[in-house]
Amino acid sequence: LNSRLWFAGTDAEPATLWASALPESGSPVNYEDHTYYKTVTTTTLEPTEPETWEDPELPEHEWVTRQNNITTDAHAIKITLGSEKNEEIQWMIGRHHLVVFTSSGEWTISGDITALSQFAQLQTRYGASGFQGELMNDAVLFVQSDHKRIREYYYLSQEGTYMSPDLVFAADHITQVGIESIAMQRAPEPHLYAVLGNGELAVLTYNRMYGVTAWSVWSSADAIVEDVAILDSSDGEEVYISVERGAIRTLEKFVDPYTAEWHMDCKHTVDTDGSGVPDSHDLDGEVDWTYLDENGSVVETLEPDSSYTRGIMYASYLQTNILEGQGPYGSSTTRVKRVNEVRVRVVNSGLCEVGYIGRRERSREEFPYTGDLRVPAPGTYGRDTKIEIHSVDGNPLMITAMVPDLEVV
C-alpha cells in the first residue's frame, strides 16, 4: 500500500502491524528497509558551567557531541490495534485504504499514514475467519468468524461509514454446516464458490452493481468437494476443484455450462471392444456412468467396437422463496394478493418440470427452447406459495428471469 510492504499478526504480537520505510527521493523501493528512526550526530560549541568561569585556566566554552534518534514521515511503521477485545489479525487487503480483518472486528488504516501520524480506526464488529477475503470491484467478500456467514464489506459514501451486510441472510440454511474455503471468479460471470463442511459446493451469483445475490448448492452422491481454486486464462477465469470420489481423488475443471447439450459431470469419450466393454477409467466402480450415442441419445446397451460419450448425469433444481399472498409483516400493505401464475424465462433449456410444491408438470416446448414457461399457481387469495423448477434426465436448464402475475383485491 503506497510503496510500503505490510506485515501483521505474529504469534507474539497478534494485534500488531509493521510497514516498511518509504524510499528516499530518487532511490528504488526497498521493502526490506524497516528502519524506524535515523541516528543524527551533532557537534556544537556550548558554554561550560558558570561556576567554573572564575578560574582563568578553564575555558568558558567547549565542543559537545550528541547523538539523537530522529523519526520522519518516511520511516517504517509499527502500530498495535487497541480495543476492549482480543484483536487477533486474520488477514489484510488494500485498496484506497488498508482494511484489517481481525477475529472480532474490521479496522481501516488510511493510505496516507506516516510514521509520525499513525491511526487505525475500528469500523464494524463482526469478525473474520482465517480465509483470505476476496476483493470484488469496490467491496470485499469475507467469511465471518463463525464460518457460517459471508459478508460484503464496502464504504457507503452517503453515510460516510463502512457497511457489512450478510449475503447469506435469505439462504442461511445453506451454510449452517460451515464453510471450509472460498474462491472468487470474476470472469466470465462473477461467482463466489464456497466449499461446505458436508462436501458440497455452495455458489453465489454476485453482482453488487445490479443487486444480484443468488445462492445455489452443487452436490453429488458420489463426490466430496475438498477445495476450490480459480486460475486465470485467456478465456477468463477457470474453476478447479479437488474432489474425492470413493477411493479416488481427482482434480476437476468446470467447463462452460451454457450449451444445449446434456448436463454431465466428468464427460469424456470411450470406445468399446469386440465384446461391448468400454475403456477402463480411474473412476470405474466409483460412479454410475451414463452413455450417449453419436446423436446424443441415452443408450442402455453398448454395441461392440463403437464410440460413446460417457459421464455422470446431473439435474438442476430451483425452489423460490415464498411468494406472499399478504403484505409483509409489519408493513402498511393489508390488501390481499393472489398469484395467478409465474412466467419463467429460459435460454437453450431442455425438458423440465415446472409448478409449485405438491404439483409439477412437464413442460411441452420443443427443445432446446428459449422463451417463457408459464407456471400456474394455487388459485386461492392470501395463500403463500413456492415455485419449483426441476430439469429432467440431465437436460440443461438456464433461467434468466422469473416474473409473478399478481392480482390485488
Protein backbone atom coordinates (compact mmCIF):
# COMPACT_ATOMS: atom_id res chain seq x y z
CA LEU A 1 0.00 0.00 0.00
CA ASN A 2 1.53 3.31 -1.17
CA SER A 3 5.02 1.80 -1.67
CA ARG A 4 5.07 0.15 1.76
CA LEU A 5 5.13 -3.60 2.41
CA TRP A 6 2.88 -4.55 5.32
CA PHE A 7 3.14 -7.48 7.73
CA ALA A 8 0.78 -8.32 10.58
CA GLY A 9 -0.19 -10.74 13.32
CA THR A 10 2.72 -12.77 14.70
CA ASP A 11 2.26 -15.32 17.48
CA ALA A 12 3.94 -12.98 19.97
CA GLU A 13 2.10 -9.83 18.78
CA PRO A 14 -1.18 -10.91 17.13
CA ALA A 15 -2.63 -7.37 17.02
CA THR A 16 0.42 -5.56 15.62
CA LEU A 17 1.21 -4.38 12.08
CA TRP A 18 4.58 -3.49 10.55
CA ALA A 19 5.20 -1.46 7.39
CA SER A 20 8.47 -0.90 5.52
CA ALA A 21 10.01 2.53 5.11
CA LEU A 22 9.40 4.72 2.06
CA PRO A 23 12.30 5.04 -0.40
CA GLU A 24 14.36 8.20 -0.41
CA SER A 25 13.91 10.57 -3.33
CA GLY A 26 15.37 9.04 -6.49
CA SER A 27 16.00 5.66 -4.84
CA PRO A 28 14.25 2.39 -5.76
CA VAL A 29 11.68 0.86 -3.44
CA ASN A 30 13.31 -1.31 -0.77
CA TYR A 31 10.74 -3.42 1.06
CA GLU A 32 13.48 -4.80 3.32
CA ASP A 33 14.01 -1.39 4.92
CA HIS A 34 12.36 -1.42 8.34
CA THR A 35 14.31 1.49 9.84
CA TYR A 36 12.18 3.20 12.48
CA TYR A 37 14.47 6.17 13.09
CA LYS A 38 17.70 7.82 11.94
CA THR A 39 20.59 8.49 14.29
CA VAL A 40 21.93 12.04 13.84
CA THR A 41 25.26 13.13 15.32
CA THR A 42 25.77 16.85 16.07
CA THR A 43 28.73 18.78 17.49
CA THR A 44 28.09 22.22 18.95
CA LEU A 45 30.02 24.80 20.91
CA GLU A 46 28.31 25.23 24.25
CA PRO A 47 29.11 27.23 27.41
CA THR A 48 30.54 25.39 30.37
CA GLU A 49 29.08 25.57 33.87
CA PRO A 50 29.11 29.23 35.15
CA GLU A 51 30.71 28.32 38.47
CA THR A 52 33.91 27.36 36.61
CA TRP A 53 34.30 30.71 34.91
CA GLU A 54 36.15 32.26 37.88
CA ASP A 55 39.11 30.01 37.11
CA PRO A 56 41.02 31.73 34.29
CA GLU A 57 42.64 28.45 33.29
CA LEU A 58 39.28 26.79 32.50
CA PRO A 59 37.57 27.64 29.19
CA GLU A 60 34.16 29.24 29.24
CA HIS A 61 33.08 27.19 26.15
CA GLU A 62 33.60 23.62 24.95
CA TRP A 63 32.69 21.42 21.95
CA VAL A 64 29.92 18.89 22.77
CA THR A 65 28.97 15.89 20.55
CA ARG A 66 25.49 14.36 20.84
CA GLN A 67 23.55 11.56 19.10
CA ASN A 68 19.77 11.83 18.61
CA ASN A 69 17.26 9.34 17.17
CA ILE A 70 15.01 11.19 14.72
CA THR A 71 11.87 9.78 13.08
CA THR A 72 10.48 11.27 9.86
CA ASP A 73 7.26 10.63 7.94
CA ALA A 74 9.05 8.20 5.62
CA HIS A 75 10.39 5.85 8.29
CA ALA A 76 8.99 2.36 8.95
CA ILE A 77 5.79 1.96 10.96
CA LYS A 78 4.78 -0.25 13.84
CA ILE A 79 1.19 0.07 15.05
CA THR A 80 -0.82 -2.04 17.51
CA LEU A 81 -4.62 -2.24 17.44
CA GLY A 82 -6.05 -1.40 20.82
CA SER A 83 -9.60 -2.14 21.98
CA GLU A 84 -11.61 -3.98 24.63
CA LYS A 85 -11.37 -7.19 22.57
CA ASN A 86 -8.56 -9.60 21.85
CA GLU A 87 -7.77 -8.30 18.36
CA GLU A 88 -6.11 -11.22 16.58
CA ILE A 89 -5.37 -10.13 12.99
CA GLN A 90 -6.53 -12.72 10.44
CA TRP A 91 -5.62 -11.02 7.14
CA MET A 92 -5.45 -7.65 5.36
CA ILE A 93 -6.47 -6.28 2.00
CA GLY A 94 -5.50 -2.96 0.43
CA ARG A 95 -7.16 -0.57 -1.99
CA HIS A 96 -7.51 3.15 -1.16
CA HIS A 97 -7.11 2.21 2.49
CA LEU A 98 -5.66 -0.81 4.23
CA VAL A 99 -8.54 -2.85 5.65
CA VAL A 100 -7.51 -5.09 8.54
CA PHE A 101 -9.77 -8.00 9.50
CA THR A 102 -9.40 -9.43 13.00
CA SER A 103 -11.24 -12.25 14.74
CA SER A 104 -13.59 -9.71 16.36
CA GLY A 105 -13.79 -6.67 14.09
CA GLU A 106 -12.88 -4.74 10.96
CA TRP A 107 -10.38 -1.85 11.01
CA THR A 108 -9.14 0.67 8.45
CA ILE A 109 -5.78 2.39 8.12
CA SER A 110 -5.61 5.43 5.87
CA GLY A 111 -3.50 5.15 2.74
CA ASP A 112 -1.62 8.35 3.65
CA ILE A 113 -0.45 7.05 7.05
CA THR A 114 3.06 8.14 8.06
CA ALA A 115 5.48 7.22 10.80
CA LEU A 116 4.59 10.49 12.57
CA SER A 117 0.82 10.12 12.10
CA GLN A 118 -0.29 6.58 12.91
CA PHE A 119 -4.00 5.92 13.23
CA ALA A 120 -6.18 2.80 12.95
CA GLN A 121 -9.96 3.09 13.21
CA LEU A 122 -12.44 0.38 14.20
CA GLN A 123 -15.32 0.32 11.70
CA THR A 124 -17.56 -2.71 12.39
CA ARG A 125 -17.77 -5.55 14.92
CA TYR A 126 -18.42 -8.81 13.03
CA GLY A 127 -15.05 -10.56 12.93
CA ALA A 128 -13.49 -12.61 10.15
CA SER A 129 -12.30 -16.18 9.78
CA GLY A 130 -8.79 -17.03 8.67
CA PHE A 131 -9.78 -17.39 5.00
CA GLN A 132 -8.37 -14.57 2.89
CA GLY A 133 -11.20 -12.31 1.71
CA GLU A 134 -11.83 -11.55 -1.96
CA LEU A 135 -11.90 -8.04 -3.44
CA MET A 136 -14.74 -7.68 -5.96
CA ASN A 137 -14.80 -4.21 -7.55
CA ASP A 138 -15.36 -1.84 -4.59
CA ALA A 139 -16.36 -4.45 -1.99
CA VAL A 140 -14.60 -7.18 -0.01
CA LEU A 141 -16.35 -10.53 0.43
CA PHE A 142 -15.27 -12.46 3.53
CA VAL A 143 -16.28 -15.37 5.76
CA GLN A 144 -17.39 -14.36 9.24
CA SER A 145 -15.55 -15.79 12.24
CA ASP A 146 -18.31 -18.36 12.90
CA HIS A 147 -17.61 -19.91 9.43
CA LYS A 148 -21.35 -19.83 8.65
CA ARG A 149 -21.88 -16.43 7.04
CA ILE A 150 -20.36 -14.48 4.17
CA ARG A 151 -20.39 -10.71 4.43
CA GLU A 152 -19.92 -7.89 1.93
CA TYR A 153 -17.72 -5.06 3.21
CA TYR A 154 -17.84 -1.69 1.46
CA TYR A 155 -17.78 2.06 2.05
CA LEU A 156 -21.11 3.87 1.88
CA SER A 157 -20.23 7.40 0.80
CA GLN A 158 -23.71 8.81 1.56
CA GLU A 159 -23.36 7.85 5.22
CA GLY A 160 -19.60 8.25 5.44
CA THR A 161 -19.21 4.84 7.03
CA TYR A 162 -18.46 1.21 6.24
CA MET A 163 -21.23 -1.37 5.84
CA SER A 164 -21.08 -5.15 6.15
CA PRO A 165 -24.41 -6.77 5.15
CA ASP A 166 -24.94 -10.51 5.41
CA LEU A 167 -25.03 -12.14 1.95
CA VAL A 168 -26.49 -15.40 3.35
CA PHE A 169 -29.40 -13.72 5.14
CA ALA A 170 -32.09 -15.18 2.84
CA ALA A 171 -30.40 -18.58 2.47
CA ASP A 172 -28.62 -19.19 5.77
CA HIS A 173 -29.73 -22.84 5.80
CA ILE A 174 -27.14 -23.49 3.07
CA THR A 175 -24.05 -22.57 5.10
CA GLN A 176 -25.06 -23.87 8.55
CA VAL A 177 -22.77 -26.89 8.06
CA GLY A 178 -19.79 -24.50 7.98
CA ILE A 179 -17.59 -23.02 5.25
CA GLU A 180 -14.21 -24.67 4.67
CA SER A 181 -12.76 -22.40 1.94
CA ILE A 182 -13.79 -19.81 -0.68
CA ALA A 183 -12.66 -18.59 -4.10
CA MET A 184 -13.93 -15.72 -6.27
CA GLN A 185 -14.44 -15.93 -10.04
CA ARG A 186 -14.72 -12.54 -11.78
CA ALA A 187 -14.98 -13.56 -15.45
CA PRO A 188 -16.91 -14.50 -17.49
CA GLU A 189 -19.52 -14.06 -14.72
CA PRO A 190 -18.94 -13.11 -11.06
CA HIS A 191 -19.37 -16.09 -8.76
CA LEU A 192 -18.16 -16.94 -5.28
CA TYR A 193 -17.53 -20.64 -4.60
CA ALA A 194 -17.67 -21.89 -1.01
CA VAL A 195 -16.68 -25.41 -0.01
CA LEU A 196 -19.04 -26.59 2.74
CA GLY A 197 -18.35 -28.87 5.68
CA ASN A 198 -20.55 -31.63 4.21
CA GLY A 199 -18.55 -31.85 0.97
CA GLU A 200 -20.97 -29.80 -1.13
CA LEU A 201 -20.17 -26.64 -3.08
CA ALA A 202 -22.25 -23.51 -2.47
CA VAL A 203 -22.18 -21.00 -5.33
CA LEU A 204 -23.09 -17.32 -5.01
CA THR A 205 -24.01 -15.49 -8.21
CA TYR A 206 -23.00 -11.97 -7.28
CA ASN A 207 -23.22 -8.56 -8.92
CA ARG A 208 -23.46 -5.67 -6.50
CA MET A 209 -23.98 -3.09 -9.23
CA TYR A 210 -27.22 -4.75 -10.38
CA GLY A 211 -28.31 -6.01 -6.95
CA VAL A 212 -27.84 -9.71 -7.79
CA THR A 213 -27.28 -12.06 -4.84
CA ALA A 214 -28.42 -15.62 -5.57
CA TRP A 215 -27.29 -18.87 -3.90
CA SER A 216 -27.26 -22.42 -5.23
CA VAL A 217 -25.81 -25.72 -3.99
CA TRP A 218 -23.90 -28.15 -6.21
CA SER A 219 -23.76 -31.65 -4.77
CA SER A 220 -23.19 -35.24 -5.82
CA ALA A 221 -23.91 -38.53 -4.08
CA ASP A 222 -20.62 -39.86 -5.48
CA ALA A 223 -18.32 -36.94 -4.69
CA ILE A 224 -16.95 -34.90 -1.79
CA VAL A 225 -15.57 -31.48 -2.73
CA GLU A 226 -12.41 -30.79 -0.73
CA ASP A 227 -11.16 -27.43 -2.07
CA VAL A 228 -11.64 -24.89 -4.86
CA ALA A 229 -9.27 -22.59 -6.75
CA ILE A 230 -9.53 -20.03 -9.58
CA LEU A 231 -6.84 -19.73 -12.29
CA ASP A 232 -6.56 -17.01 -14.93
CA SER A 233 -6.67 -17.99 -18.59
CA SER A 234 -7.06 -16.32 -21.98
CA ASP A 235 -10.80 -17.11 -21.86
CA GLY A 236 -11.40 -15.61 -18.42
CA GLU A 237 -11.01 -17.44 -15.13
CA GLU A 238 -11.18 -21.22 -14.81
CA VAL A 239 -12.60 -23.03 -11.78
CA TYR A 240 -10.82 -26.13 -10.42
CA ILE A 241 -11.98 -28.32 -7.55
CA SER A 242 -10.31 -31.13 -5.63
CA VAL A 243 -12.83 -33.98 -5.40
CA GLU A 244 -12.85 -37.28 -3.53
CA ARG A 245 -14.88 -39.98 -5.30
CA GLY A 246 -14.78 -43.16 -3.27
CA ALA A 247 -11.14 -44.22 -3.08
CA ILE A 248 -10.13 -41.84 -5.89
CA ARG A 249 -9.10 -38.19 -5.55
CA THR A 250 -9.29 -36.09 -8.72
CA LEU A 251 -8.60 -32.52 -9.83
CA GLU A 252 -11.55 -31.40 -11.95
CA LYS A 253 -12.16 -28.33 -14.11
CA PHE A 254 -15.53 -26.70 -14.79
CA VAL A 255 -16.44 -26.06 -18.44
CA ASP A 256 -18.82 -23.51 -19.94
CA PRO A 257 -22.33 -24.71 -18.97
CA TYR A 258 -24.25 -22.52 -21.42
CA THR A 259 -24.83 -25.13 -24.12
CA ALA A 260 -27.84 -27.13 -25.37
CA GLU A 261 -26.14 -30.46 -24.68
CA TRP A 262 -26.75 -32.85 -21.82
CA HIS A 263 -25.57 -31.77 -18.40
CA MET A 264 -22.89 -34.30 -17.47
CA ASP A 265 -20.06 -34.37 -14.98
CA CYS A 266 -16.68 -35.95 -15.89
CA LYS A 267 -17.73 -36.02 -19.55
CA HIS A 268 -15.36 -37.89 -21.90
CA THR A 269 -15.28 -40.26 -24.91
CA VAL A 270 -14.83 -44.05 -24.58
CA ASP A 271 -14.54 -46.88 -27.10
CA THR A 272 -15.87 -50.41 -26.68
CA ASP A 273 -14.01 -53.58 -27.65
CA GLY A 274 -15.40 -56.53 -29.60
CA SER A 275 -17.45 -57.63 -26.60
CA GLY A 276 -19.00 -54.20 -25.99
CA VAL A 277 -16.85 -53.50 -22.92
CA PRO A 278 -15.83 -49.81 -22.64
CA ASP A 279 -12.35 -48.48 -21.99
CA SER A 280 -11.31 -48.56 -18.34
CA HIS A 281 -11.26 -45.35 -16.32
CA ASP A 282 -9.86 -44.35 -12.94
CA LEU A 283 -13.39 -43.80 -11.64
CA ASP A 284 -14.84 -47.10 -12.85
CA GLY A 285 -16.61 -48.73 -9.94
CA GLU A 286 -16.84 -45.42 -8.05
CA VAL A 287 -19.64 -43.73 -10.05
CA ASP A 288 -22.73 -44.62 -12.08
CA TRP A 289 -21.95 -43.78 -15.74
CA THR A 290 -24.46 -42.66 -18.38
CA TYR A 291 -23.68 -43.36 -22.06
CA LEU A 292 -24.72 -41.26 -25.07
CA ASP A 293 -24.51 -42.28 -28.73
CA GLU A 294 -23.35 -40.05 -31.59
CA ASN A 295 -26.83 -38.47 -31.77
CA GLY A 296 -26.75 -37.51 -28.09
CA SER A 297 -29.35 -40.10 -27.07
CA VAL A 298 -29.03 -42.14 -23.87
CA VAL A 299 -28.23 -45.82 -24.57
CA GLU A 300 -28.70 -48.74 -22.21
CA THR A 301 -26.80 -51.44 -24.16
CA LEU A 302 -23.35 -50.79 -25.61
CA GLU A 303 -22.52 -52.06 -29.09
CA PRO A 304 -19.15 -53.70 -29.85
CA ASP A 305 -16.42 -51.60 -31.49
CA SER A 306 -18.29 -48.32 -31.01
CA SER A 307 -17.62 -44.90 -29.54
CA TYR A 308 -19.75 -43.25 -26.86
CA THR A 309 -19.81 -40.12 -24.75
CA ARG A 310 -19.76 -41.03 -21.09
CA GLY A 311 -20.38 -39.01 -17.95
CA ILE A 312 -22.39 -38.59 -14.77
CA MET A 313 -25.84 -37.10 -15.35
CA TYR A 314 -26.86 -34.30 -13.03
CA ALA A 315 -30.07 -32.35 -12.55
CA SER A 316 -30.87 -28.71 -11.80
CA TYR A 317 -33.46 -27.90 -9.16
CA LEU A 318 -34.81 -24.49 -8.13
CA GLN A 319 -37.27 -23.53 -5.42
CA THR A 320 -38.17 -19.89 -4.85
CA ASN A 321 -38.69 -18.13 -1.56
CA ILE A 322 -42.32 -17.71 -0.52
CA LEU A 323 -44.47 -15.61 -2.84
CA GLU A 324 -46.62 -13.90 -0.23
CA GLY A 325 -50.38 -13.65 -0.56
CA GLN A 326 -50.46 -10.97 2.16
CA GLY A 327 -48.47 -7.82 2.66
CA PRO A 328 -45.20 -8.37 4.57
CA TYR A 329 -45.39 -8.48 8.36
CA GLY A 330 -45.19 -5.04 9.89
CA SER A 331 -45.89 -3.21 6.62
CA SER A 332 -48.78 -0.86 5.88
CA THR A 333 -49.90 -3.11 3.00
CA THR A 334 -53.01 -5.01 4.11
CA ARG A 335 -54.62 -5.77 0.75
CA VAL A 336 -54.83 -9.44 -0.18
CA LYS A 337 -52.90 -10.61 -3.24
CA ARG A 338 -53.38 -13.57 -5.50
CA VAL A 339 -50.51 -15.09 -7.51
CA ASN A 340 -52.16 -16.30 -10.74
CA GLU A 341 -49.04 -17.58 -12.46
CA VAL A 342 -45.29 -17.12 -12.73
CA ARG A 343 -43.51 -16.65 -16.03
CA VAL A 344 -40.10 -18.30 -16.18
CA ARG A 345 -37.74 -17.20 -18.93
CA VAL A 346 -35.27 -19.91 -20.02
CA VAL A 347 -32.41 -20.00 -22.55
CA ASN A 348 -31.30 -23.11 -24.50
CA SER A 349 -33.02 -25.34 -21.97
CA GLY A 350 -34.30 -28.89 -22.25
CA LEU A 351 -37.21 -30.82 -20.79
CA CYS A 352 -38.09 -29.70 -17.26
CA GLU A 353 -40.85 -29.90 -14.66
CA VAL A 354 -42.45 -26.67 -13.52
CA GLY A 355 -45.09 -25.98 -10.89
CA TYR A 356 -45.36 -25.48 -7.16
CA ILE A 357 -44.87 -27.63 -4.07
CA GLY A 358 -47.02 -30.72 -4.37
CA ARG A 359 -47.67 -30.33 -8.09
CA ARG A 360 -45.23 -30.20 -11.01
CA GLU A 361 -45.99 -30.64 -14.70
CA ARG A 362 -43.58 -31.43 -17.52
CA SER A 363 -43.04 -28.62 -20.00
CA ARG A 364 -44.17 -29.35 -23.55
CA GLU A 365 -42.00 -27.00 -25.60
CA GLU A 366 -39.64 -28.12 -28.36
CA PHE A 367 -36.04 -28.26 -27.19
CA PRO A 368 -33.58 -26.73 -26.94
CA TYR A 369 -36.03 -23.99 -26.04
CA THR A 370 -35.56 -20.26 -25.44
CA GLY A 371 -38.57 -18.32 -24.21
CA ASP A 372 -41.15 -18.14 -21.41
CA LEU A 373 -42.66 -21.04 -19.49
CA ARG A 374 -45.93 -20.39 -17.64
CA VAL A 375 -46.23 -21.83 -14.15
CA PRO A 376 -49.81 -21.89 -12.73
CA ALA A 377 -50.02 -21.00 -9.06
CA PRO A 378 -52.57 -22.11 -6.42
CA GLY A 379 -55.75 -20.15 -7.06
CA THR A 380 -56.51 -19.00 -3.52
CA TYR A 381 -56.42 -15.42 -2.30
CA GLY A 382 -54.00 -14.73 0.50
CA ARG A 383 -52.23 -18.08 0.14
CA ASP A 384 -48.44 -18.18 0.14
CA THR A 385 -46.67 -20.48 -2.30
CA LYS A 386 -43.26 -21.53 -3.59
CA ILE A 387 -42.49 -22.15 -7.25
CA GLU A 388 -40.42 -25.22 -8.24
CA ILE A 389 -38.48 -25.93 -11.44
CA HIS A 390 -36.65 -29.21 -11.96
CA SER A 391 -34.65 -30.36 -15.01
CA VAL A 392 -35.46 -33.87 -16.30
CA ASP A 393 -32.95 -36.62 -17.16
CA GLY A 394 -29.91 -34.40 -17.32
CA ASN A 395 -31.44 -31.81 -19.67
CA PRO A 396 -29.82 -28.36 -19.44
CA LEU A 397 -31.73 -25.64 -17.62
CA MET A 398 -30.75 -21.95 -17.59
CA ILE A 399 -33.18 -19.45 -16.05
CA THR A 400 -32.67 -15.73 -16.67
CA ALA A 401 -35.83 -14.24 -15.11
CA MET A 402 -38.98 -15.04 -13.09
CA VAL A 403 -41.97 -12.66 -13.09
CA PRO A 404 -45.11 -13.32 -10.98
CA ASP A 405 -48.56 -12.25 -12.25
CA LEU A 406 -50.30 -10.70 -9.22
CA GLU A 407 -53.94 -9.80 -8.66
CA VAL A 408 -54.68 -7.45 -5.75
CA VAL A 409 -58.12 -7.27 -4.16
